[in-house]
Amino acid sequence: MKERTMKKNYVSVKCTDGFSMSVQANMNGYCEPKTDEGPYTDVEVGYPSQPDLLLQPYAEEQGNWTDTIYGYVPVHVVQMVIDAHGGMTGGELPPFKFDPSLNGMFNRKDYVGE
């Protein structure tokens, strides 16, 4: 008999400016690859504390920006959202698989007027 493992629930991400969102990935989620281990190229984001333009194309329910799931969000978009909100101050992320060509490309000032 194959042993079942419990899926991990990652603690919601908290950002410097107060923004928060759930970022999840597992074999039953809207993510790639469909495993419980990763690393993931696309993840499921849920229930952001405020609307974010970078996430909107992935919303399951368009127009309901804070009370919906965002499926198959590329991990570089998640990183852009975190960077745009000043970086992470808490929470955790599933293991990401980044395209190395994107490393260091995203800067908060490019996405948020200050």
PDB file of N, CA and C in Angstrom:
ATOM      1  N   MET A   1       0.850  -1.184   0.000  1.00  0.00           N
ATOM      2  CA  MET A   1       0.000   0.000   0.000  1.00  0.00           C
ATOM      3  C   MET A   1       0.891   1.241   0.000  1.00  0.00           C
ATOM      4  N   LYS A   2       0.612   2.160  -0.902  1.00  0.00           N
ATOM      5  CA  LYS A   2       1.401   3.396  -1.003  1.00  0.00           C
ATOM      6  C   LYS A   2       1.026   4.357   0.124  1.00  0.00           C
ATOM      7  N   GLU A   3       2.049   4.904   0.767  1.00  0.00           N
ATOM      8  CA  GLU A   3       1.825   5.854   1.861  1.00  0.00           C
ATOM      9  C   GLU A   3       1.436   7.212   1.308  1.00  0.00           C
ATOM     10  N   ARG A   4       0.361   7.781   1.841  1.00  0.00           N
ATOM     11  CA  ARG A   4      -0.080   9.117   1.432  1.00  0.00           C
ATOM     12  C   ARG A   4       0.635  10.164   2.258  1.00  0.00           C
ATOM     13  N   THR A   5       1.031  11.226   1.598  1.00  0.00           N
ATOM     14  CA  THR A   5       1.650  12.333   2.317  1.00  0.00           C
ATOM     15  C   THR A   5       0.648  13.473   2.401  1.00  0.00           C
ATOM     16  N   MET A   6       0.736  14.222   3.470  1.00  0.00           N
ATOM     17  CA  MET A   6      -0.128  15.393   3.633  1.00  0.00           C
ATOM     18  C   MET A   6       0.434  16.539   2.813  1.00  0.00           C
ATOM     19  N   LYS A   7      -0.447  17.227   2.100  1.00  0.00           N
ATOM     20  CA  LYS A   7       0.031  18.375   1.333  1.00  0.00           C
ATOM     21  C   LYS A   7       0.400  19.503   2.295  1.00  0.00           C
ATOM     22  N   LYS A   8       1.416  20.219   1.933  1.00  0.00           N
ATOM     23  CA  LYS A   8       1.885  21.339   2.744  1.00  0.00           C
ATOM     24  C   LYS A   8       1.028  22.557   2.460  1.00  0.00           C
ATOM     25  N   ASN A   9       0.615  23.236   3.500  1.00  0.00           N
ATOM     26  CA  ASN A   9      -0.043  24.528   3.370  1.00  0.00           C
ATOM     27  C   ASN A   9       0.985  25.588   3.739  1.00  0.00           C
ATOM     28  N   TYR A  10       1.342  26.411   2.776  1.00  0.00           N
ATOM     29  CA  TYR A  10       2.348  27.450   3.002  1.00  0.00           C
ATOM     30  C   TYR A  10       1.700  28.649   3.684  1.00  0.00           C
ATOM     31  N   VAL A  11       2.413  29.218   4.636  1.00  0.00           N
ATOM     32  CA  VAL A  11       1.937  30.401   5.375  1.00  0.00           C
ATOM     33  C   VAL A  11       1.866  31.579   4.401  1.00  0.00           C
ATOM     34  N   SER A  12       0.793  32.354   4.466  1.00  0.00           N
ATOM     35  CA  SER A  12       0.603  33.485   3.557  1.00  0.00           C
ATOM     36  C   SER A  12       1.785  34.441   3.576  1.00  0.00           C
ATOM     37  N   VAL A  13       2.115  34.933   2.390  1.00  0.00           N
ATOM     38  CA  VAL A  13       3.205  35.890   2.218  1.00  0.00           C
ATOM     39  C   VAL A  13       2.753  37.253   2.739  1.00  0.00           C
ATOM     40  N   LYS A  14       3.594  37.896   3.500  1.00  0.00           N
ATOM     41  CA  LYS A  14       3.376  39.274   3.960  1.00  0.00           C
ATOM     42  C   LYS A  14       4.489  40.136   3.381  1.00  0.00           C
ATOM     43  N   CYS A  15       4.127  41.322   2.907  1.00  0.00           N
ATOM     44  CA  CYS A  15       5.105  42.220   2.292  1.00  0.00           C
ATOM     45  C   CYS A  15       5.295  43.489   3.125  1.00  0.00           C
ATOM     46  N   THR A  16       6.364  44.200   2.819  1.00  0.00           N
ATOM     47  CA  THR A  16       6.749  45.409   3.548  1.00  0.00           C
ATOM     48  C   THR A  16       5.630  46.440   3.625  1.00  0.00           C
ATOM     49  N   ASP A  17       4.889  46.622   2.527  1.00  0.00           N
ATOM     50  CA  ASP A  17       3.843  47.653   2.500  1.00  0.00           C
ATOM     51  C   ASP A  17       2.498  47.182   3.054  1.00  0.00           C
ATOM     52  N   GLY A  18       2.447  45.961   3.635  1.00  0.00           N
ATOM     53  CA  GLY A  18       1.209  45.449   4.214  1.00  0.00           C
ATOM     54  C   GLY A  18       0.445  44.502   3.310  1.00  0.00           C
ATOM     55  N   PHE A  19       0.828  44.411   2.050  1.00  0.00           N
ATOM     56  CA  PHE A  19       0.186  43.494   1.107  1.00  0.00           C
ATOM     57  C   PHE A  19       0.414  42.052   1.558  1.00  0.00           C
ATOM     58  N   SER A  20      -0.596  41.201   1.359  1.00  0.00           N
ATOM     59  CA  SER A  20      -0.438  39.780   1.648  1.00  0.00           C
ATOM     60  C   SER A  20      -1.183  38.956   0.607  1.00  0.00           C
ATOM     61  N   MET A  21      -0.753  37.716   0.462  1.00  0.00           N
ATOM     62  CA  MET A  21      -1.404  36.785  -0.468  1.00  0.00           C
ATOM     63  C   MET A  21      -0.999  35.369  -0.084  1.00  0.00           C
ATOM     64  N   SER A  22      -1.859  34.428  -0.403  1.00  0.00           N
ATOM     65  CA  SER A  22      -1.539  33.024  -0.229  1.00  0.00           C
ATOM     66  C   SER A  22      -0.858  32.541  -1.502  1.00  0.00           C
ATOM     67  N   VAL A  23       0.226  31.787  -1.378  1.00  0.00           N
ATOM     68  CA  VAL A  23       0.904  31.186  -2.523  1.00  0.00           C
ATOM     69  C   VAL A  23       1.043  29.699  -2.225  1.00  0.00           C
ATOM     70  N   GLN A  24       0.344  28.881  -3.007  1.00  0.00           N
ATOM     71  CA  GLN A  24       0.295  27.447  -2.760  1.00  0.00           C
ATOM     72  C   GLN A  24       0.692  26.655  -4.006  1.00  0.00           C
ATOM     73  N   ALA A  25       1.175  25.444  -3.789  1.00  0.00           N
ATOM     74  CA  ALA A  25       1.482  24.524  -4.882  1.00  0.00           C
ATOM     75  C   ALA A  25       1.480  23.106  -4.330  1.00  0.00           C
ATOM     76  N   ASN A  26       0.766  22.237  -5.020  1.00  0.00           N
ATOM     77  CA  ASN A  26       0.731  20.818  -4.658  1.00  0.00           C
ATOM     78  C   ASN A  26       0.083  20.062  -5.812  1.00  0.00           C
ATOM     79  N   MET A  27       0.029  18.756  -5.697  1.00  0.00           N
ATOM     80  CA  MET A  27      -0.456  17.949  -6.815  1.00  0.00           C
ATOM     81  C   MET A  27      -1.915  18.223  -7.185  1.00  0.00           C
ATOM     82  N   ASN A  28      -2.689  18.847  -6.302  1.00  0.00           N
ATOM     83  CA  ASN A  28      -4.094  19.155  -6.593  1.00  0.00           C
ATOM     84  C   ASN A  28      -4.335  20.628  -6.895  1.00  0.00           C
ATOM     85  N   GLY A  29      -3.293  21.442  -6.852  1.00  0.00           N
ATOM     86  CA  GLY A  29      -3.446  22.879  -7.050  1.00  0.00           C
ATOM     87  C   GLY A  29      -3.321  23.286  -8.502  1.00  0.00           C
ATOM     88  N   TYR A  30      -3.565  24.563  -8.738  1.00  0.00           N
ATOM     89  CA  TYR A  30      -3.400  25.161 -10.068  1.00  0.00           C
ATOM     90  C   TYR A  30      -1.936  25.536 -10.225  1.00  0.00           C
ATOM     91  N   CYS A  31      -1.087  24.527 -10.413  1.00  0.00           N
ATOM     92  CA  CYS A  31       0.349  24.753 -10.471  1.00  0.00           C
ATOM     93  C   CYS A  31       0.989  23.779 -11.461  1.00  0.00           C
ATOM     94  N   GLU A  32       2.236  24.051 -11.786  1.00  0.00           N
ATOM     95  CA  GLU A  32       3.046  23.164 -12.614  1.00  0.00           C
ATOM     96  C   GLU A  32       4.416  23.062 -11.982  1.00  0.00           C
ATOM     97  N   PRO A  33       4.976  21.891 -11.884  1.00  0.00           N
ATOM     98  CA  PRO A  33       4.384  20.593 -12.217  1.00  0.00           C
ATOM     99  C   PRO A  33       3.369  20.171 -11.157  1.00  0.00           C
ATOM    100  N   LYS A  34       2.597  19.167 -11.485  1.00  0.00           N
ATOM    101  CA  LYS A  34       1.565  18.637 -10.583  1.00  0.00           C
ATOM    102  C   LYS A  34       2.201  17.632  -9.624  1.00  0.00           C
ATOM    103  N   THR A  35       2.959  18.156  -8.654  1.00  0.00           N
ATOM    104  CA  THR A  35       3.594  17.315  -7.640  1.00  0.00           C
ATOM    105  C   THR A  35       3.448  18.000  -6.289  1.00  0.00           C
ATOM    106  N   ASP A  36       3.819  17.279  -5.247  1.00  0.00           N
ATOM    107  CA  ASP A  36       3.835  17.875  -3.911  1.00  0.00           C
ATOM    108  C   ASP A  36       5.225  18.362  -3.520  1.00  0.00           C
ATOM    109  N   GLU A  37       6.201  18.207  -4.417  1.00  0.00           N
ATOM    110  CA  GLU A  37       7.564  18.577  -4.073  1.00  0.00           C
ATOM    111  C   GLU A  37       8.098  19.805  -4.807  1.00  0.00           C
ATOM    112  N   GLY A  38       7.731  19.996  -6.069  1.00  0.00           N
ATOM    113  CA  GLY A  38       8.316  21.075  -6.856  1.00  0.00           C
ATOM    114  C   GLY A  38       9.696  20.690  -7.330  1.00  0.00           C
ATOM    115  N   PRO A  39      10.535  21.615  -7.738  1.00  0.00           N
ATOM    116  CA  PRO A  39      10.268  23.061  -7.777  1.00  0.00           C
ATOM    117  C   PRO A  39       9.231  23.400  -8.849  1.00  0.00           C
ATOM    118  N   TYR A  40       8.523  24.486  -8.627  1.00  0.00           N
ATOM    119  CA  TYR A  40       7.382  24.876  -9.454  1.00  0.00           C
ATOM    120  C   TYR A  40       7.727  26.023 -10.393  1.00  0.00           C
ATOM    121  N   THR A  41       7.169  25.955 -11.592  1.00  0.00           N
ATOM    122  CA  THR A  41       7.295  27.049 -12.557  1.00  0.00           C
ATOM    123  C   THR A  41       6.061  27.941 -12.523  1.00  0.00           C
ATOM    124  N   ASP A  42       4.925  27.386 -12.082  1.00  0.00           N
ATOM    125  CA  ASP A  42       3.652  28.113 -11.977  1.00  0.00           C
ATOM    126  C   ASP A  42       2.986  27.695 -10.674  1.00  0.00           C
ATOM    127  N   VAL A  43       2.390  28.636  -9.977  1.00  0.00           N
ATOM    128  CA  VAL A  43       1.788  28.367  -8.676  1.00  0.00           C
ATOM    129  C   VAL A  43       0.385  28.954  -8.591  1.00  0.00           C
ATOM    130  N   GLU A  44      -0.293  28.626  -7.524  1.00  0.00           N
ATOM    131  CA  GLU A  44      -1.633  29.139  -7.252  1.00  0.00           C
ATOM    132  C   GLU A  44      -1.531  30.267  -6.225  1.00  0.00           C
ATOM    133  N   VAL A  45      -2.104  31.402  -6.556  1.00  0.00           N
ATOM    134  CA  VAL A  45      -2.144  32.542  -5.639  1.00  0.00           C
ATOM    135  C   VAL A  45      -3.596  32.737  -5.234  1.00  0.00           C
ATOM    136  N   GLY A  46      -3.820  33.106  -3.993  1.00  0.00           N
ATOM    137  CA  GLY A  46      -5.189  33.295  -3.543  1.00  0.00           C
ATOM    138  C   GLY A  46      -5.341  34.464  -2.607  1.00  0.00           C
ATOM    139  N   TYR A  47      -6.485  35.092  -2.720  1.00  0.00           N
ATOM    140  CA  TYR A  47      -6.970  36.078  -1.766  1.00  0.00           C
ATOM    141  C   TYR A  47      -5.969  37.166  -1.403  1.00  0.00           C
ATOM    142  N   PRO A  48      -5.450  37.886  -2.399  1.00  0.00           N
ATOM    143  CA  PRO A  48      -4.551  39.001  -2.063  1.00  0.00           C
ATOM    144  C   PRO A  48      -5.311  40.051  -1.254  1.00  0.00           C
ATOM    145  N   SER A  49      -4.585  40.743  -0.400  1.00  0.00           N
ATOM    146  CA  SER A  49      -5.213  41.723   0.483  1.00  0.00           C
ATOM    147  C   SER A  49      -5.682  42.971  -0.250  1.00  0.00           C
ATOM    148  N   GLN A  50      -5.162  43.188  -1.448  1.00  0.00           N
ATOM    149  CA  GLN A  50      -5.606  44.305  -2.294  1.00  0.00           C
ATOM    150  C   GLN A  50      -5.384  43.903  -3.749  1.00  0.00           C
ATOM    151  N   PRO A  51      -6.093  44.545  -4.683  1.00  0.00           N
ATOM    152  CA  PRO A  51      -5.889  44.217  -6.094  1.00  0.00           C
ATOM    153  C   PRO A  51      -4.444  44.485  -6.525  1.00  0.00           C
ATOM    154  N   ASP A  52      -3.942  43.661  -7.420  1.00  0.00           N
ATOM    155  CA  ASP A  52      -2.611  43.856  -7.977  1.00  0.00           C
ATOM    156  C   ASP A  52      -2.687  43.613  -9.482  1.00  0.00           C
ATOM    157  N   LEU A  53      -2.292  44.606 -10.259  1.00  0.00           N
ATOM    158  CA  LEU A  53      -2.391  44.527 -11.720  1.00  0.00           C
ATOM    159  C   LEU A  53      -1.612  43.355 -12.307  1.00  0.00           C
ATOM    160  N   LEU A  54      -0.509  42.993 -11.705  1.00  0.00           N
ATOM    161  CA  LEU A  54       0.302  41.904 -12.239  1.00  0.00           C
ATOM    162  C   LEU A  54      -0.406  40.560 -12.132  1.00  0.00           C
ATOM    163  N   LEU A  55      -1.269  40.395 -11.148  1.00  0.00           N
ATOM    164  CA  LEU A  55      -1.987  39.144 -10.954  1.00  0.00           C
ATOM    165  C   LEU A  55      -3.273  39.046 -11.766  1.00  0.00           C
ATOM    166  N   GLN A  56      -3.871  40.164 -12.106  1.00  0.00           N
ATOM    167  CA  GLN A  56      -5.209  40.170 -12.684  1.00  0.00           C
ATOM    168  C   GLN A  56      -5.433  39.257 -13.887  1.00  0.00           C
ATOM    169  N   PRO A  57      -4.488  39.089 -14.797  1.00  0.00           N
ATOM    170  CA  PRO A  57      -4.743  38.194 -15.936  1.00  0.00           C
ATOM    171  C   PRO A  57      -4.976  36.736 -15.532  1.00  0.00           C
ATOM    172  N   TYR A  58      -4.590  36.348 -14.333  1.00  0.00           N
ATOM    173  CA  TYR A  58      -4.677  34.961 -13.894  1.00  0.00           C
ATOM    174  C   TYR A  58      -5.884  34.692 -12.990  1.00  0.00           C
ATOM    175  N   ALA A  59      -6.713  35.711 -12.736  1.00  0.00           N
ATOM    176  CA  ALA A  59      -7.834  35.588 -11.804  1.00  0.00           C
ATOM    177  C   ALA A  59      -8.891  34.620 -12.317  1.00  0.00           C
ATOM    178  N   GLU A  60      -9.321  33.744 -11.433  1.00  0.00           N
ATOM    179  CA  GLU A  60     -10.404  32.814 -11.757  1.00  0.00           C
ATOM    180  C   GLU A  60     -11.712  33.577 -11.925  1.00  0.00           C
ATOM    181  N   GLU A  61     -11.906  34.599 -11.099  1.00  0.00           N
ATOM    182  CA  GLU A  61     -13.112  35.422 -11.169  1.00  0.00           C
ATOM    183  C   GLU A  61     -12.708  36.870 -11.419  1.00  0.00           C
ATOM    184  N   GLN A  62     -12.761  37.286 -12.662  1.00  0.00           N
ATOM    185  CA  GLN A  62     -12.373  38.648 -13.043  1.00  0.00           C
ATOM    186  C   GLN A  62     -13.258  39.671 -12.338  1.00  0.00           C
ATOM    187  N   GLY A  63     -12.638  40.730 -11.821  1.00  0.00           N
ATOM    188  CA  GLY A  63     -13.363  41.810 -11.155  1.00  0.00           C
ATOM    189  C   GLY A  63     -13.492  41.628  -9.657  1.00  0.00           C
ATOM    190  N   ASN A  64     -13.288  40.417  -9.182  1.00  0.00           N
ATOM    191  CA  ASN A  64     -13.365  40.131  -7.751  1.00  0.00           C
ATOM    192  C   ASN A  64     -11.938  39.890  -7.258  1.00  0.00           C
ATOM    193  N   TRP A  65     -11.119  40.910  -7.300  1.00  0.00           N
ATOM    194  CA  TRP A  65      -9.674  40.778  -7.192  1.00  0.00           C
ATOM    195  C   TRP A  65      -9.147  40.271  -5.859  1.00  0.00           C
ATOM    196  N   THR A  66      -9.880  40.451  -4.761  1.00  0.00           N
ATOM    197  CA  THR A  66      -9.343  40.046  -3.456  1.00  0.00           C
ATOM    198  C   THR A  66     -10.017  38.799  -2.887  1.00  0.00           C
ATOM    199  N   ASP A  67     -11.009  38.285  -3.560  1.00  0.00           N
ATOM    200  CA  ASP A  67     -11.737  37.124  -3.044  1.00  0.00           C
ATOM    201  C   ASP A  67     -11.800  36.021  -4.097  1.00  0.00           C
ATOM    202  N   THR A  68     -10.645  35.760  -4.730  1.00  0.00           N
ATOM    203  CA  THR A  68     -10.605  34.748  -5.783  1.00  0.00           C
ATOM    204  C   THR A  68      -9.250  34.058  -5.790  1.00  0.00           C
ATOM    205  N   ILE A  69      -9.164  33.025  -6.592  1.00  0.00           N
ATOM    206  CA  ILE A  69      -7.927  32.265  -6.808  1.00  0.00           C
ATOM    207  C   ILE A  69      -7.334  32.693  -8.146  1.00  0.00           C
ATOM    208  N   TYR A  70      -6.028  32.732  -8.194  1.00  0.00           N
ATOM    209  CA  TYR A  70      -5.283  33.043  -9.411  1.00  0.00           C
ATOM    210  C   TYR A  70      -4.490  31.787  -9.769  1.00  0.00           C
ATOM    211  N   GLY A  71      -4.873  31.127 -10.857  1.00  0.00           N
ATOM    212  CA  GLY A  71      -4.267  29.852 -11.205  1.00  0.00           C
ATOM    213  C   GLY A  71      -3.116  29.957 -12.184  1.00  0.00           C
ATOM    214  N   TYR A  72      -2.169  29.054 -12.027  1.00  0.00           N
ATOM    215  CA  TYR A  72      -1.024  28.917 -12.931  1.00  0.00           C
ATOM    216  C   TYR A  72      -0.283  30.245 -13.130  1.00  0.00           C
ATOM    217  N   VAL A  73      -0.004  30.915 -12.026  1.00  0.00           N
ATOM    218  CA  VAL A  73       0.744  32.171 -12.070  1.00  0.00           C
ATOM    219  C   VAL A  73       2.230  31.827 -12.187  1.00  0.00           C
ATOM    220  N   PRO A  74       2.899  32.296 -13.233  1.00  0.00           N
ATOM    221  CA  PRO A  74       4.330  32.024 -13.357  1.00  0.00           C
ATOM    222  C   PRO A  74       5.079  32.557 -12.137  1.00  0.00           C
ATOM    223  N   VAL A  75       6.078  31.801 -11.686  1.00  0.00           N
ATOM    224  CA  VAL A  75       6.789  32.201 -10.464  1.00  0.00           C
ATOM    225  C   VAL A  75       7.479  33.549 -10.615  1.00  0.00           C
ATOM    226  N   HIS A  76       7.880  33.917 -11.835  1.00  0.00           N
ATOM    227  CA  HIS A  76       8.508  35.234 -11.986  1.00  0.00           C
ATOM    228  C   HIS A  76       7.489  36.349 -11.757  1.00  0.00           C
ATOM    229  N   VAL A  77       6.209  36.107 -12.039  1.00  0.00           N
ATOM    230  CA  VAL A  77       5.168  37.104 -11.766  1.00  0.00           C
ATOM    231  C   VAL A  77       4.966  37.229 -10.250  1.00  0.00           C
ATOM    232  N   VAL A  78       4.967  36.100  -9.541  1.00  0.00           N
ATOM    233  CA  VAL A  78       4.864  36.145  -8.073  1.00  0.00           C
ATOM    234  C   VAL A  78       6.019  36.954  -7.500  1.00  0.00           C
ATOM    235  N   GLN A  79       7.226  36.728  -8.011  1.00  0.00           N
ATOM    236  CA  GLN A  79       8.379  37.485  -7.522  1.00  0.00           C
ATOM    237  C   GLN A  79       8.240  38.974  -7.843  1.00  0.00           C
ATOM    238  N   MET A  80       7.707  39.293  -9.016  1.00  0.00           N
ATOM    239  CA  MET A  80       7.480  40.701  -9.373  1.00  0.00           C
ATOM    240  C   MET A  80       6.493  41.345  -8.400  1.00  0.00           C
ATOM    241  N   VAL A  81       5.417  40.624  -8.055  1.00  0.00           N
ATOM    242  CA  VAL A  81       4.424  41.152  -7.110  1.00  0.00           C
ATOM    243  C   VAL A  81       5.085  41.406  -5.759  1.00  0.00           C
ATOM    244  N   ILE A  82       5.853  40.445  -5.276  1.00  0.00           N
ATOM    245  CA  ILE A  82       6.538  40.607  -3.990  1.00  0.00           C
ATOM    246  C   ILE A  82       7.490  41.798  -4.043  1.00  0.00           C
ATOM    247  N   ASP A  83       8.271  41.893  -5.096  1.00  0.00           N
ATOM    248  CA  ASP A  83       9.207  43.011  -5.249  1.00  0.00           C
ATOM    249  C   ASP A  83       8.472  44.354  -5.300  1.00  0.00           C
ATOM    250  N   ALA A  84       7.338  44.373  -6.007  1.00  0.00           N
ATOM    251  CA  ALA A  84       6.570  45.614  -6.145  1.00  0.00           C
ATOM    252  C   ALA A  84       5.994  46.090  -4.814  1.00  0.00           C
ATOM    253  N   HIS A  85       5.835  45.162  -3.881  1.00  0.00           N
ATOM    254  CA  HIS A  85       5.292  45.513  -2.567  1.00  0.00           C
ATOM    255  C   HIS A  85       6.392  45.596  -1.502  1.00  0.00           C
ATOM    256  N   GLY A  86       7.625  45.762  -1.951  1.00  0.00           N
ATOM    257  CA  GLY A  86       8.726  46.030  -1.032  1.00  0.00           C
ATOM    258  C   GLY A  86       9.446  44.818  -0.488  1.00  0.00           C
ATOM    259  N   GLY A  87       9.107  43.636  -0.959  1.00  0.00           N
ATOM    260  CA  GLY A  87       9.758  42.417  -0.494  1.00  0.00           C
ATOM    261  C   GLY A  87       8.976  41.731   0.608  1.00  0.00           C
ATOM    262  N   MET A  88       9.354  40.488   0.875  1.00  0.00           N
ATOM    263  CA  MET A  88       8.680  39.681   1.893  1.00  0.00           C
ATOM    264  C   MET A  88       9.182  40.024   3.289  1.00  0.00           C
ATOM    265  N   THR A  89       8.229  40.115   4.218  1.00  0.00           N
ATOM    266  CA  THR A  89       8.587  40.270   5.623  1.00  0.00           C
ATOM    267  C   THR A  89       8.142  39.058   6.435  1.00  0.00           C
ATOM    268  N   GLY A  90       7.359  38.183   5.821  1.00  0.00           N
ATOM    269  CA  GLY A  90       6.884  36.990   6.515  1.00  0.00           C
ATOM    270  C   GLY A  90       6.222  36.035   5.551  1.00  0.00           C
ATOM    271  N   GLY A  91       5.917  34.854   6.066  1.00  0.00           N
ATOM    272  CA  GLY A  91       5.287  33.834   5.250  1.00  0.00           C
ATOM    273  C   GLY A  91       6.312  32.955   4.576  1.00  0.00           C
ATOM    274  N   GLU A  92       5.833  32.146   3.640  1.00  0.00           N
ATOM    275  CA  GLU A  92       6.730  31.234   2.944  1.00  0.00           C
ATOM    276  C   GLU A  92       6.220  30.951   1.537  1.00  0.00           C
ATOM    277  N   LEU A  93       7.139  30.532   0.705  1.00  0.00           N
ATOM    278  CA  LEU A  93       6.829  30.224  -0.691  1.00  0.00           C
ATOM    279  C   LEU A  93       7.149  28.765  -0.979  1.00  0.00           C
ATOM    280  N   PRO A  94       6.381  28.147  -1.868  1.00  0.00           N
ATOM    281  CA  PRO A  94       6.781  26.818  -2.345  1.00  0.00           C
ATOM    282  C   PRO A  94       8.116  26.939  -3.076  1.00  0.00           C
ATOM    283  N   PRO A  95       8.820  25.840  -3.273  1.00  0.00           N
ATOM    284  CA  PRO A  95      10.083  25.921  -4.017  1.00  0.00           C
ATOM    285  C   PRO A  95       9.834  26.348  -5.464  1.00  0.00           C
ATOM    286  N   PHE A  96      10.513  27.394  -5.871  1.00  0.00           N
ATOM    287  CA  PHE A  96      10.352  27.945  -7.220  1.00  0.00           C
ATOM    288  C   PHE A  96      11.449  27.447  -8.137  1.00  0.00           C
ATOM    289  N   LYS A  97      11.113  27.322  -9.405  1.00  0.00           N
ATOM    290  CA  LYS A  97      12.107  27.069 -10.441  1.00  0.00           C
ATOM    291  C   LYS A  97      12.091  28.285 -11.353  1.00  0.00           C
ATOM    292  N   PHE A  98      13.113  29.123 -11.227  1.00  0.00           N
ATOM    293  CA  PHE A  98      13.198  30.361 -11.992  1.00  0.00           C
ATOM    294  C   PHE A  98      13.913  30.158 -13.306  1.00  0.00           C
ATOM    295  N   ASP A  99      13.536  30.965 -14.262  1.00  0.00           N
ATOM    296  CA  ASP A  99      14.300  31.086 -15.498  1.00  0.00           C
ATOM    297  C   ASP A  99      15.496  31.965 -15.145  1.00  0.00           C
ATOM    298  N   PRO A 100      16.723  31.432 -15.222  1.00  0.00           N
ATOM    299  CA  PRO A 100      17.886  32.225 -14.807  1.00  0.00           C
ATOM    300  C   PRO A 100      18.029  33.539 -15.563  1.00  0.00           C
ATOM    301  N   SER A 101      17.477  33.622 -16.761  1.00  0.00           N
ATOM    302  CA  SER A 101      17.594  34.867 -17.525  1.00  0.00           C
ATOM    303  C   SER A 101      16.799  36.002 -16.895  1.00  0.00           C
ATOM    304  N   LEU A 102      15.879  35.684 -15.971  1.00  0.00           N
ATOM    305  CA  LEU A 102      15.061  36.703 -15.315  1.00  0.00           C
ATOM    306  C   LEU A 102      15.679  37.207 -14.016  1.00  0.00           C
ATOM    307  N   ASN A 103      16.740  36.578 -13.559  1.00  0.00           N
ATOM    308  CA  ASN A 103      17.348  36.928 -12.282  1.00  0.00           C
ATOM    309  C   ASN A 103      17.758  38.397 -12.224  1.00  0.00           C
ATOM    310  N   GLY A 104      17.279  39.094 -11.203  1.00  0.00           N
ATOM    311  CA  GLY A 104      17.655  40.491 -10.982  1.00  0.00           C
ATOM    312  C   GLY A 104      16.976  41.494 -11.896  1.00  0.00           C
ATOM    313  N   MET A 105      15.988  41.078 -12.679  1.00  0.00           N
ATOM    314  CA  MET A 105      15.345  41.980 -13.630  1.00  0.00           C
ATOM    315  C   MET A 105      14.273  42.872 -13.030  1.00  0.00           C
ATOM    316  N   PHE A 106      13.723  42.500 -11.891  1.00  0.00           N
ATOM    317  CA  PHE A 106      12.544  43.173 -11.385  1.00  0.00           C
ATOM    318  C   PHE A 106      12.888  44.089 -10.226  1.00  0.00           C
ATOM    319  N   ASN A 107      12.431  45.303 -10.335  1.00  0.00           N
ATOM    320  CA  ASN A 107      12.731  46.321  -9.343  1.00  0.00           C
ATOM    321  C   ASN A 107      11.434  47.011  -8.950  1.00  0.00           C
ATOM    322  N   ARG A 108      11.225  47.221  -7.666  1.00  0.00           N
ATOM    323  CA  ARG A 108       9.998  47.845  -7.161  1.00  0.00           C
ATOM    324  C   ARG A 108       9.678  49.152  -7.872  1.00  0.00           C
ATOM    325  N   LYS A 109      10.670  49.992  -8.091  1.00  0.00           N
ATOM    326  CA  LYS A 109      10.402  51.308  -8.689  1.00  0.00           C
ATOM    327  C   LYS A 109       9.863  51.199 -10.119  1.00  0.00           C
ATOM    328  N   ASP A 110      10.071  50.055 -10.766  1.00  0.00           N
ATOM    329  CA  ASP A 110       9.528  49.847 -12.104  1.00  0.00           C
ATOM    330  C   ASP A 110       8.025  49.603 -12.091  1.00  0.00           C
ATOM    331  N   TYR A 111       7.485  49.207 -10.944  1.00  0.00           N
ATOM    332  CA  TYR A 111       6.080  48.809 -10.863  1.00  0.00           C
ATOM    333  C   TYR A 111       5.252  49.678  -9.921  1.00  0.00           C
ATOM    334  N   VAL A 112       5.908  50.364  -9.007  1.00  0.00           N
ATOM    335  CA  VAL A 112       5.196  51.165  -8.013  1.00  0.00           C
ATOM    336  C   VAL A 112       5.785  52.570  -8.012  1.00  0.00           C
ATOM    337  N   GLY A 113       4.948  53.559  -8.268  1.00  0.00           N
ATOM    338  CA  GLY A 113       5.430  54.938  -8.220  1.00  0.00           C
ATOM    339  C   GLY A 113       5.723  55.351  -6.788  1.00  0.00           C
ATOM    340  N   GLU A 114       6.857  55.979  -6.573  1.00  0.00           N
ATOM    341  CA  GLU A 114       7.195  56.423  -5.211  1.00  0.00           C
ATOM    342  C   GLU A 114       7.561  57.893  -5.224  1.00  0.00           C
TER     343      GLU A 114
END
